[in-house]
Amino acid sequence: MRADDARIPAEQQQHKQPDGQRDAPRERTQHPLRVAARLGKLAQRRAKARHDGHEDDDHGDSGQIHHRIIGRRRLKRFSFRWPWLLLTLAAVAAFTGLGRWQWQRGEYRTAQWAAFEATGDVREGTAVQLAGLARFTRVRLTGRFDDEHQFLLDNISQGGRAGYDVVTPLKLDDGSAVLVNRGFVAGTGHREQLPDVAIGAGERARTVIGRVGALPVAGIAAGRVPPPSTGPWPRIASFPTEADLAAALPYAVAPGVLLLDGADPDGYVRDWRPPGLEPARHYAYAVQWWAFAALALVLFVVLNRRRKLSP
C-alpha cells in the first residue's frame, strides 16, 4: 500500500507537469490582452468621471450666471424714481382725459351732422318764429331782398379761394326782417374793388327756402371786426355777430340767420356744413391722445430698464 501510494503522487506530478507546460504558452499570450482590456476599462471610467464632473461644474456655473442675470433684470425693471413715476402718471391721466374729450366731441359732431343731413319737411315760418326753431330746420319765407343794405363777410375761403359770404336782409310782408346768407363769392384780388352782389329788381317779392343757421365764427376773438356804422354799401365785416349787423341797419331784424338753399337762383356758392370740425377729425385726435398716453408708459418702462445699476 505504501509503494502504491508513493507511486500515485509521482504519476500525478508527471501528469500535471505536461499540462502546465502546455498551459504556460496560452497564459503568456492571454495575459497582455487581459491587461489591455483592464486598462481600457479604467481609462473609460476615468474619462466618464471627468466628463460628469465638468457637467456638474457647467450646470453650477450656468445656474449662478442665470440667477445673476435674472436678479439684475429685476433690478432694472423695478428701479425708478418717484418723481418720474408721478410725472408719467400725470401725463397718462392728462392724455387719456383729452382723448376722452375729443371722442365726446366726435359723438356730438356726429349727431349734428346727422341732424343737418336729415332734410325733413319744409316749414312755413316768419321772422319771429325763426329764432325759436331748432337749428338746421328747413323754413320757407316770403319777402323782398333789401338790395341796398348788404354785408360782405371777409376772411372766408371756399375751395382754396379767398372771398366773402354775402348776407342780405329779407323784408317780410308783416314788416319784420331776417338776415339771409346767400353764399360765397370769390374776391376780385383787390381790396378796393368789391364783387358785384346786386340782386336786381329787389322790390319784387319772392319765396326763399333755407335752413336755420348762424353766422361764421372766427377761430380767435381778435379776428372779429364789426361793419362800419357809416359809409357806402355793401359794408365789409369780419366774423361779426348778429347784433353787429343789426346795429348797422336802419331797421330792426329778428334773431337768427337763414342759410339759403342751393337750388335758389339768388345765391352764390353754398356748401353748407355744420360748424366746427368733421366727426372723423375728432375721433382721429382722440386716438392720437391715447397713443401719447401709451407712449408715455412705454418710455417710462424702457428708460428705467436701461438705467445702469451698480453690481
Protein backbone atom coordinates (compact mmCIF):
# COMPACT_ATOMS: atom_id res chain seq x y z
CA MET A 1 0.00 0.00 0.00
CA ARG A 2 2.77 2.47 0.73
CA ALA A 3 4.55 1.75 -2.55
CA ASP A 4 1.34 2.36 -4.46
CA ASP A 5 0.62 5.49 -2.54
CA ALA A 6 4.07 6.77 -3.25
CA ARG A 7 3.70 5.98 -6.91
CA ILE A 8 0.36 7.74 -7.32
CA PRO A 9 1.63 11.23 -6.39
CA ALA A 10 4.58 10.75 -8.64
CA GLU A 11 2.31 9.88 -11.50
CA GLN A 12 0.09 12.83 -10.71
CA GLN A 13 3.09 15.11 -10.84
CA GLN A 14 4.08 13.62 -14.15
CA HIS A 15 0.57 14.28 -15.49
CA LYS A 16 0.47 17.84 -14.13
CA GLN A 17 3.82 18.76 -15.50
CA PRO A 18 2.92 18.20 -19.14
CA ASP A 19 -0.39 20.11 -18.59
CA GLY A 20 1.45 23.01 -17.02
CA GLN A 21 3.89 23.04 -19.84
CA ARG A 22 1.01 23.09 -22.32
CA ASP A 23 -0.90 25.96 -20.43
CA ALA A 24 2.13 28.21 -19.96
CA PRO A 25 2.25 29.50 -23.57
CA ARG A 26 -1.53 30.14 -23.52
CA GLU A 27 -1.27 32.15 -20.32
CA ARG A 28 1.62 34.17 -21.75
CA THR A 29 -0.47 35.12 -24.83
CA GLN A 30 -3.73 35.94 -22.95
CA HIS A 31 -2.11 37.96 -20.19
CA PRO A 32 -1.37 41.13 -22.28
CA LEU A 33 -4.91 41.06 -23.67
CA ARG A 34 -6.43 41.00 -20.21
CA VAL A 35 -4.14 43.80 -19.08
CA ALA A 36 -5.05 45.91 -22.11
CA ALA A 37 -8.78 45.31 -21.51
CA ARG A 38 -8.48 46.32 -17.89
CA LEU A 39 -6.51 49.43 -18.80
CA GLY A 40 -9.14 50.34 -21.40
CA LYS A 41 -11.98 49.97 -18.89
CA LEU A 42 -10.03 52.03 -16.36
CA ALA A 43 -9.44 54.77 -18.92
CA GLN A 44 -13.13 54.80 -19.81
CA ARG A 45 -14.14 55.10 -16.15
CA ARG A 46 -11.74 57.99 -15.61
CA ALA A 47 -12.96 59.79 -18.75
CA LYS A 48 -16.56 59.35 -17.69
CA ALA A 49 -15.78 60.63 -14.22
CA ARG A 50 -14.08 63.71 -15.63
CA HIS A 51 -16.98 64.32 -18.04
CA ASP A 52 -19.55 64.04 -15.27
CA GLY A 53 -17.54 66.41 -13.14
CA HIS A 54 -17.36 69.03 -15.90
CA GLU A 55 -21.09 68.77 -16.50
CA ASP A 56 -21.75 69.38 -12.83
CA ASP A 57 -19.44 72.38 -12.90
CA ASP A 58 -21.06 73.74 -16.05
CA HIS A 59 -24.54 73.35 -14.60
CA GLY A 60 -23.47 75.06 -11.44
CA ASP A 61 -21.78 77.95 -13.25
CA SER A 62 -24.65 78.43 -15.69
CA GLY A 63 -27.12 78.34 -12.83
CA GLN A 64 -25.19 81.01 -10.97
CA ILE A 65 -24.91 83.18 -14.09
CA HIS A 66 -28.64 82.69 -14.81
CA HIS A 67 -29.54 83.75 -11.29
CA ARG A 68 -27.29 86.77 -11.53
CA ILE A 69 -28.82 87.80 -14.87
CA ILE A 70 -32.37 87.30 -13.63
CA GLY A 71 -31.63 89.25 -10.50
CA ARG A 72 -30.11 92.13 -12.45
CA ARG A 73 -33.08 92.24 -14.82
CA ARG A 74 -35.44 92.53 -11.91
CA LEU A 75 -33.40 95.42 -10.56
CA LYS A 76 -33.56 97.19 -13.92
CA ARG A 77 -37.26 96.59 -14.33
CA PHE A 78 -38.38 97.89 -10.95
CA SER A 79 -35.77 100.55 -10.34
CA PHE A 80 -37.32 104.01 -10.84
CA ARG A 81 -37.51 107.40 -9.21
CA TRP A 82 -40.77 108.53 -7.66
CA PRO A 83 -40.84 111.99 -9.32
CA TRP A 84 -40.61 110.36 -12.76
CA LEU A 85 -43.35 107.90 -11.85
CA LEU A 86 -45.66 110.69 -10.68
CA LEU A 87 -44.90 112.74 -13.78
CA THR A 88 -45.65 109.76 -16.02
CA LEU A 89 -48.93 109.05 -14.25
CA ALA A 90 -49.96 112.71 -14.56
CA ALA A 91 -49.15 112.70 -18.29
CA VAL A 92 -51.08 109.47 -18.84
CA ALA A 93 -54.10 110.87 -16.97
CA ALA A 94 -53.98 114.12 -18.98
CA PHE A 95 -53.61 112.38 -22.34
CA THR A 96 -56.40 109.94 -21.52
CA GLY A 97 -58.72 112.78 -20.48
CA LEU A 98 -58.01 114.74 -23.66
CA GLY A 99 -58.68 111.66 -25.75
CA ARG A 100 -61.99 111.09 -24.00
CA TRP A 101 -62.97 114.73 -24.53
CA GLN A 102 -62.15 114.54 -28.25
CA TRP A 103 -64.17 111.33 -28.54
CA GLN A 104 -67.17 113.01 -26.91
CA ARG A 105 -66.80 115.96 -29.29
CA GLY A 106 -66.80 113.48 -32.16
CA GLU A 107 -70.04 111.95 -30.93
CA TYR A 108 -71.58 115.42 -30.60
CA ARG A 109 -70.49 116.35 -34.14
CA THR A 110 -71.86 113.07 -35.45
CA ALA A 111 -75.28 113.93 -34.02
CA GLN A 112 -75.02 117.43 -35.52
CA TRP A 113 -74.20 116.13 -38.98
CA ALA A 114 -76.99 113.59 -38.79
CA ALA A 115 -79.46 116.36 -37.95
CA PHE A 116 -78.07 118.53 -40.74
CA GLU A 117 -78.33 115.82 -43.38
CA ALA A 118 -81.90 114.92 -42.40
CA THR A 119 -83.85 117.14 -44.82
CA GLY A 120 -87.28 116.85 -43.23
CA ASP A 121 -90.34 118.79 -44.28
CA VAL A 122 -90.15 122.49 -45.14
CA ARG A 123 -92.00 124.59 -42.56
CA GLU A 124 -93.79 127.82 -43.25
CA GLY A 125 -92.33 130.42 -40.94
CA THR A 126 -91.99 134.04 -40.03
CA ALA A 127 -89.06 136.07 -38.85
CA VAL A 128 -90.32 135.93 -35.28
CA GLN A 129 -90.64 132.14 -35.36
CA LEU A 130 -87.18 131.68 -36.85
CA ALA A 131 -85.31 132.16 -33.58
CA GLY A 132 -87.43 129.55 -31.81
CA LEU A 133 -86.88 126.78 -34.35
CA ALA A 134 -84.29 124.06 -33.98
CA ARG A 135 -81.04 124.53 -35.82
CA PHE A 136 -80.90 123.23 -39.41
CA THR A 137 -84.71 123.23 -39.69
CA ARG A 138 -85.81 123.95 -43.24
CA VAL A 139 -88.04 127.04 -43.49
CA ARG A 140 -89.93 128.80 -46.29
CA LEU A 141 -90.21 132.60 -46.12
CA THR A 142 -91.78 135.12 -48.48
CA GLY A 143 -90.48 138.67 -48.75
CA ARG A 144 -88.27 141.14 -50.62
CA PHE A 145 -84.46 141.30 -50.51
CA ASP A 146 -83.04 144.67 -49.43
CA ASP A 147 -80.59 145.15 -52.28
CA GLU A 148 -79.34 148.49 -50.90
CA HIS A 149 -78.16 147.18 -47.50
CA GLN A 150 -75.90 144.16 -47.82
CA PHE A 151 -72.86 142.86 -45.95
CA LEU A 152 -69.72 141.13 -47.18
CA LEU A 153 -68.21 138.84 -44.52
CA ASP A 154 -64.45 138.92 -45.03
CA ASN A 155 -61.77 136.25 -44.41
CA ILE A 156 -63.86 133.44 -45.89
CA SER A 157 -62.38 130.80 -48.17
CA GLN A 158 -64.01 128.18 -50.36
CA GLY A 159 -62.15 125.58 -52.42
CA GLY A 160 -58.82 127.33 -51.83
CA ARG A 161 -60.13 130.72 -52.98
CA ALA A 162 -60.48 133.79 -50.79
CA GLY A 163 -63.68 135.76 -50.86
CA TYR A 164 -66.78 136.80 -48.95
CA ASP A 165 -70.05 135.47 -47.62
CA VAL A 166 -72.91 137.66 -48.83
CA VAL A 167 -75.54 138.46 -46.17
CA THR A 168 -78.68 140.23 -47.35
CA PRO A 169 -81.71 141.26 -45.23
CA LEU A 170 -85.06 139.84 -46.32
CA LYS A 171 -88.05 142.06 -45.52
CA LEU A 172 -91.20 140.06 -44.91
CA ASP A 173 -94.76 141.15 -45.60
CA ASP A 174 -95.50 141.58 -41.90
CA GLY A 175 -92.83 144.30 -41.62
CA SER A 176 -90.18 142.13 -39.92
CA ALA A 177 -86.82 141.26 -41.43
CA VAL A 178 -84.36 138.38 -41.26
CA LEU A 179 -80.73 138.02 -42.32
CA VAL A 180 -80.15 135.60 -45.23
CA ASN A 181 -76.71 134.22 -46.05
CA ARG A 182 -76.71 133.88 -49.84
CA GLY A 183 -73.40 132.01 -50.06
CA PHE A 184 -69.77 132.56 -51.02
CA VAL A 185 -68.48 134.86 -53.75
CA ALA A 186 -64.82 134.98 -54.76
CA GLY A 187 -62.88 138.20 -54.31
CA THR A 188 -61.57 140.30 -57.17
CA GLY A 189 -57.97 140.26 -55.94
CA HIS A 190 -58.07 143.93 -54.97
CA ARG A 191 -59.36 145.11 -51.62
CA GLU A 192 -60.57 148.39 -53.12
CA GLN A 193 -62.69 146.64 -55.75
CA LEU A 194 -65.56 144.66 -54.26
CA PRO A 195 -67.53 141.98 -56.14
CA ASP A 196 -70.90 142.93 -57.57
CA VAL A 197 -73.58 141.30 -55.40
CA ALA A 198 -76.61 143.22 -56.65
CA ILE A 199 -79.76 141.15 -56.95
CA GLY A 200 -81.74 143.35 -59.33
CA ALA A 201 -85.48 144.00 -59.11
CA GLY A 202 -85.12 143.99 -55.35
CA GLU A 203 -88.64 145.22 -54.84
CA ARG A 204 -90.06 142.03 -56.34
CA ALA A 205 -91.50 139.63 -53.76
CA ARG A 206 -90.02 136.14 -53.77
CA THR A 207 -90.20 132.92 -51.77
CA VAL A 208 -86.95 131.58 -50.38
CA ILE A 209 -86.17 128.29 -48.66
CA GLY A 210 -83.25 127.77 -46.33
CA ARG A 211 -82.01 126.22 -43.11
CA VAL A 212 -81.93 127.86 -39.72
CA GLY A 213 -78.25 128.54 -39.11
CA ALA A 214 -75.75 131.07 -37.79
CA LEU A 215 -73.04 133.42 -38.96
CA PRO A 216 -69.47 132.15 -39.46
CA VAL A 217 -67.44 132.12 -36.25
CA ALA A 218 -63.80 133.13 -36.00
CA GLY A 219 -61.20 130.83 -34.51
CA ILE A 220 -59.99 133.61 -32.20
CA ALA A 221 -61.84 136.65 -30.88
CA ALA A 222 -59.17 139.00 -32.27
CA GLY A 223 -60.39 138.24 -35.80
CA ARG A 224 -63.80 139.85 -35.25
CA VAL A 225 -64.37 143.23 -36.90
CA PRO A 226 -67.91 144.71 -36.97
CA PRO A 227 -69.12 146.61 -40.05
CA PRO A 228 -68.62 150.36 -40.09
CA SER A 229 -71.55 152.46 -38.97
CA THR A 230 -71.18 154.83 -41.91
CA GLY A 231 -70.03 154.59 -45.50
CA PRO A 232 -71.16 153.06 -48.76
CA TRP A 233 -72.86 149.70 -49.15
CA PRO A 234 -72.15 146.82 -49.18
CA ARG A 235 -70.18 147.05 -45.95
CA ILE A 236 -67.35 144.70 -45.01
CA ALA A 237 -67.20 142.89 -41.69
CA SER A 238 -65.01 140.07 -40.37
CA PHE A 239 -66.81 137.39 -38.34
CA PRO A 240 -69.39 139.78 -36.87
CA THR A 241 -72.22 138.86 -34.53
CA GLU A 242 -75.89 139.23 -35.41
CA ALA A 243 -76.02 142.23 -33.09
CA ASP A 244 -73.17 143.89 -35.01
CA LEU A 245 -75.05 143.57 -38.31
CA ALA A 246 -78.36 144.63 -36.79
CA ALA A 247 -76.77 147.77 -35.37
CA ALA A 248 -75.63 148.85 -38.86
CA LEU A 249 -79.13 148.56 -40.41
CA PRO A 250 -81.73 151.36 -40.36
CA TYR A 251 -84.43 148.91 -39.19
CA ALA A 252 -84.70 146.02 -36.75
CA VAL A 253 -84.07 142.39 -37.72
CA ALA A 254 -85.24 139.27 -35.93
CA PRO A 255 -82.67 136.97 -34.30
CA GLY A 256 -81.44 134.10 -36.42
CA VAL A 257 -79.86 133.60 -39.82
CA LEU A 258 -81.29 131.72 -42.79
CA LEU A 259 -78.83 129.71 -44.93
CA LEU A 260 -80.18 129.91 -48.49
CA ASP A 261 -80.77 126.55 -50.20
CA GLY A 262 -78.52 125.60 -53.10
CA ALA A 263 -81.41 125.48 -55.56
CA ASP A 264 -82.36 129.14 -55.06
CA PRO A 265 -81.27 131.27 -58.07
CA ASP A 266 -80.45 134.33 -55.96
CA GLY A 267 -77.46 132.81 -54.23
CA TYR A 268 -73.79 132.01 -54.81
CA VAL A 269 -71.66 129.04 -53.83
CA ARG A 270 -73.43 127.28 -50.94
CA ASP A 271 -71.59 124.36 -49.44
CA TRP A 272 -73.27 124.48 -46.06
CA ARG A 273 -71.92 122.27 -43.30
CA PRO A 274 -72.36 122.15 -39.56
CA PRO A 275 -69.88 124.41 -37.75
CA GLY A 276 -66.62 123.04 -36.43
CA LEU A 277 -64.54 120.05 -37.46
CA GLU A 278 -65.86 116.90 -39.03
CA PRO A 279 -66.57 113.98 -36.65
CA ALA A 280 -63.74 111.89 -38.13
CA ARG A 281 -61.20 114.57 -37.19
CA HIS A 282 -62.27 114.47 -33.54
CA TYR A 283 -62.05 110.68 -33.46
CA ALA A 284 -58.56 110.83 -35.00
CA TYR A 285 -57.43 113.33 -32.37
CA ALA A 286 -58.81 111.08 -29.64
CA VAL A 287 -56.78 108.13 -30.92
CA GLN A 288 -53.67 110.33 -31.06
CA TRP A 289 -54.05 111.42 -27.43
CA TRP A 290 -54.49 107.82 -26.31
CA ALA A 291 -51.40 106.86 -28.31
CA PHE A 292 -49.46 109.55 -26.42
CA ALA A 293 -50.62 108.02 -23.13
CA ALA A 294 -49.43 104.57 -24.20
CA LEU A 295 -46.12 106.03 -25.41
CA ALA A 296 -45.53 107.71 -22.05
CA LEU A 297 -45.91 104.36 -20.28
CA VAL A 298 -43.60 102.59 -22.73
CA LEU A 299 -40.93 105.26 -22.40
CA PHE A 300 -41.10 105.10 -18.63
CA VAL A 301 -40.55 101.33 -18.60
CA VAL A 302 -37.80 101.36 -21.24
CA LEU A 303 -35.83 104.22 -19.71
CA ASN A 304 -35.91 102.69 -16.25
CA ARG A 305 -34.80 99.30 -17.54
CA ARG A 306 -31.86 100.86 -19.32
CA ARG A 307 -30.57 102.68 -16.26
CA LYS A 308 -27.07 101.47 -15.27
CA LEU A 309 -27.00 99.84 -11.85
CA SER A 310 -24.08 99.03 -9.60
CA PRO A 311 -23.38 95.27 -9.40
